[in-house]
Amino acid sequence: MPEVLPAVERLPAEQARDLFELMGAAVALEAAALDRSIDAMVGALPRPLRAVTKKIMFGGR
Protein backbone atom coordinates (compact mmCIF):
# COMPACT_ATOMS: atom_id res chain seq x y z
CA MET A 1 0.00 0.00 0.00
CA PRO A 2 1.51 3.37 -0.99
CA GLU A 3 2.32 5.88 1.69
CA VAL A 4 0.25 9.02 1.98
CA LEU A 5 2.13 12.16 0.95
CA PRO A 6 0.51 15.13 2.72
CA ALA A 7 2.14 17.71 0.46
CA VAL A 8 0.81 15.98 -2.65
CA GLU A 9 -2.66 15.73 -1.15
CA ARG A 10 -2.74 19.53 -0.94
CA LEU A 11 -2.01 19.98 -4.63
CA PRO A 12 -4.81 20.37 -7.14
CA ALA A 13 -5.42 17.09 -9.01
CA GLU A 14 -3.90 18.41 -12.24
CA GLN A 15 -0.68 19.49 -10.53
CA ALA A 16 -0.42 16.18 -8.64
CA ARG A 17 -0.83 14.30 -11.93
CA ASP A 18 1.85 16.47 -13.56
CA LEU A 19 4.20 15.82 -10.64
CA PHE A 20 3.73 12.06 -10.87
CA GLU A 21 4.23 12.16 -14.65
CA LEU A 22 7.46 14.13 -14.19
CA MET A 23 8.67 11.66 -11.56
CA GLY A 24 7.89 8.76 -13.90
CA ALA A 25 9.80 10.46 -16.71
CA ALA A 26 12.75 11.09 -14.38
CA VAL A 27 12.84 7.44 -13.33
CA ALA A 28 12.75 6.33 -16.98
CA LEU A 29 15.54 8.78 -17.89
CA GLU A 30 17.65 7.57 -14.96
CA ALA A 31 17.14 3.92 -15.99
CA ALA A 32 18.15 4.70 -19.57
CA ALA A 33 21.27 6.56 -18.39
CA LEU A 34 22.18 3.63 -16.15
CA ASP A 35 21.77 1.19 -19.05
CA ARG A 36 24.02 3.36 -21.25
CA SER A 37 26.63 3.53 -18.48
CA ILE A 38 26.56 -0.23 -17.99
CA ASP A 39 26.90 -0.81 -21.74
CA ALA A 40 29.84 1.62 -21.92
CA MET A 41 31.60 -0.03 -19.00
CA VAL A 42 31.05 -3.56 -20.31
CA GLY A 43 31.99 -2.40 -23.81
CA ALA A 44 35.52 -1.68 -22.58
CA LEU A 45 36.05 -5.40 -21.91
CA PRO A 46 37.27 -7.87 -24.53
CA ARG A 47 34.37 -9.15 -26.63
CA PRO A 48 34.30 -12.73 -25.23
CA LEU A 49 33.85 -11.39 -21.68
CA ARG A 50 31.16 -8.77 -22.32
CA ALA A 51 27.96 -10.81 -22.26
CA VAL A 52 29.08 -13.05 -19.40
CA THR A 53 30.26 -10.12 -17.28
CA LYS A 54 27.07 -8.16 -17.89
CA LYS A 55 24.90 -11.16 -17.00
CA ILE A 56 26.86 -11.90 -13.80
CA MET A 57 27.08 -8.31 -12.58
CA PHE A 58 23.76 -6.89 -13.72
CA GLY A 59 21.45 -9.81 -14.41
CA GLY A 60 19.56 -9.33 -17.65
CA ARG A 61 19.79 -5.55 -17.59
C-alpha atoms as a PDB file:
ATOM      1  CA  MET A   1       0.000   0.000   0.000  1.00  0.00           C
ATOM      2  CA  PRO A   2       1.511   3.373  -0.990  1.00  0.00           C
ATOM      3  CA  GLU A   3       2.319   5.875   1.694  1.00  0.00           C
ATOM      4  CA  VAL A   4       0.251   9.019   1.979  1.00  0.00           C
ATOM      5  CA  LEU A   5       2.130  12.156   0.952  1.00  0.00           C
ATOM      6  CA  PRO A   6       0.509  15.129   2.724  1.00  0.00           C
ATOM      7  CA  ALA A   7       2.143  17.709   0.462  1.00  0.00           C
ATOM      8  CA  VAL A   8       0.805  15.979  -2.653  1.00  0.00           C
ATOM      9  CA  GLU A   9      -2.656  15.725  -1.151  1.00  0.00           C
ATOM     10  CA  ARG A  10      -2.738  19.530  -0.939  1.00  0.00           C
ATOM     11  CA  LEU A  11      -2.014  19.981  -4.631  1.00  0.00           C
ATOM     12  CA  PRO A  12      -4.810  20.368  -7.144  1.00  0.00           C
ATOM     13  CA  ALA A  13      -5.418  17.086  -9.009  1.00  0.00           C
ATOM     14  CA  GLU A  14      -3.902  18.409 -12.243  1.00  0.00           C
ATOM     15  CA  GLN A  15      -0.678  19.487 -10.528  1.00  0.00           C
ATOM     16  CA  ALA A  16      -0.416  16.181  -8.637  1.00  0.00           C
ATOM     17  CA  ARG A  17      -0.830  14.303 -11.925  1.00  0.00           C
ATOM     18  CA  ASP A  18       1.847  16.474 -13.558  1.00  0.00           C
ATOM     19  CA  LEU A  19       4.198  15.823 -10.639  1.00  0.00           C
ATOM     20  CA  PHE A  20       3.726  12.057 -10.872  1.00  0.00           C
ATOM     21  CA  GLU A  21       4.234  12.158 -14.652  1.00  0.00           C
ATOM     22  CA  LEU A  22       7.458  14.132 -14.186  1.00  0.00           C
ATOM     23  CA  MET A  23       8.670  11.661 -11.565  1.00  0.00           C
ATOM     24  CA  GLY A  24       7.888   8.757 -13.899  1.00  0.00           C
ATOM     25  CA  ALA A  25       9.800  10.457 -16.715  1.00  0.00           C
ATOM     26  CA  ALA A  26      12.753  11.094 -14.382  1.00  0.00           C
ATOM     27  CA  VAL A  27      12.836   7.437 -13.332  1.00  0.00           C
ATOM     28  CA  ALA A  28      12.753   6.333 -16.983  1.00  0.00           C
ATOM     29  CA  LEU A  29      15.536   8.776 -17.892  1.00  0.00           C
ATOM     30  CA  GLU A  30      17.645   7.566 -14.960  1.00  0.00           C
ATOM     31  CA  ALA A  31      17.143   3.918 -15.989  1.00  0.00           C
ATOM     32  CA  ALA A  32      18.152   4.705 -19.575  1.00  0.00           C
ATOM     33  CA  ALA A  33      21.270   6.561 -18.392  1.00  0.00           C
ATOM     34  CA  LEU A  34      22.184   3.627 -16.150  1.00  0.00           C
ATOM     35  CA  ASP A  35      21.771   1.192 -19.053  1.00  0.00           C
ATOM     36  CA  ARG A  36      24.021   3.364 -21.247  1.00  0.00           C
ATOM     37  CA  SER A  37      26.626   3.531 -18.478  1.00  0.00           C
ATOM     38  CA  ILE A  38      26.564  -0.234 -17.993  1.00  0.00           C
ATOM     39  CA  ASP A  39      26.903  -0.806 -21.739  1.00  0.00           C
ATOM     40  CA  ALA A  40      29.836   1.625 -21.924  1.00  0.00           C
ATOM     41  CA  MET A  41      31.596  -0.034 -18.999  1.00  0.00           C
ATOM     42  CA  VAL A  42      31.054  -3.557 -20.314  1.00  0.00           C
ATOM     43  CA  GLY A  43      31.991  -2.395 -23.811  1.00  0.00           C
ATOM     44  CA  ALA A  44      35.523  -1.683 -22.576  1.00  0.00           C
ATOM     45  CA  LEU A  45      36.046  -5.396 -21.911  1.00  0.00           C
ATOM     46  CA  PRO A  46      37.272  -7.866 -24.527  1.00  0.00           C
ATOM     47  CA  ARG A  47      34.367  -9.153 -26.626  1.00  0.00           C
ATOM     48  CA  PRO A  48      34.300 -12.728 -25.226  1.00  0.00           C
ATOM     49  CA  LEU A  49      33.845 -11.389 -21.683  1.00  0.00           C
ATOM     50  CA  ARG A  50      31.156  -8.765 -22.316  1.00  0.00           C
ATOM     51  CA  ALA A  51      27.960 -10.813 -22.259  1.00  0.00           C
ATOM     52  CA  VAL A  52      29.077 -13.051 -19.396  1.00  0.00           C
ATOM     53  CA  THR A  53      30.256 -10.125 -17.280  1.00  0.00           C
ATOM     54  CA  LYS A  54      27.065  -8.158 -17.889  1.00  0.00           C
ATOM     55  CA  LYS A  55      24.904 -11.164 -16.998  1.00  0.00           C
ATOM     56  CA  ILE A  56      26.862 -11.905 -13.798  1.00  0.00           C
ATOM     57  CA  MET A  57      27.083  -8.312 -12.579  1.00  0.00           C
ATOM     58  CA  PHE A  58      23.757  -6.892 -13.719  1.00  0.00           C
ATOM     59  CA  GLY A  59      21.446  -9.813 -14.414  1.00  0.00           C
ATOM     60  CA  GLY A  60      19.565  -9.334 -17.651  1.00  0.00           C
ATOM     61  CA  ARG A  61      19.785  -5.546 -17.589  1.00  0.00           C
END
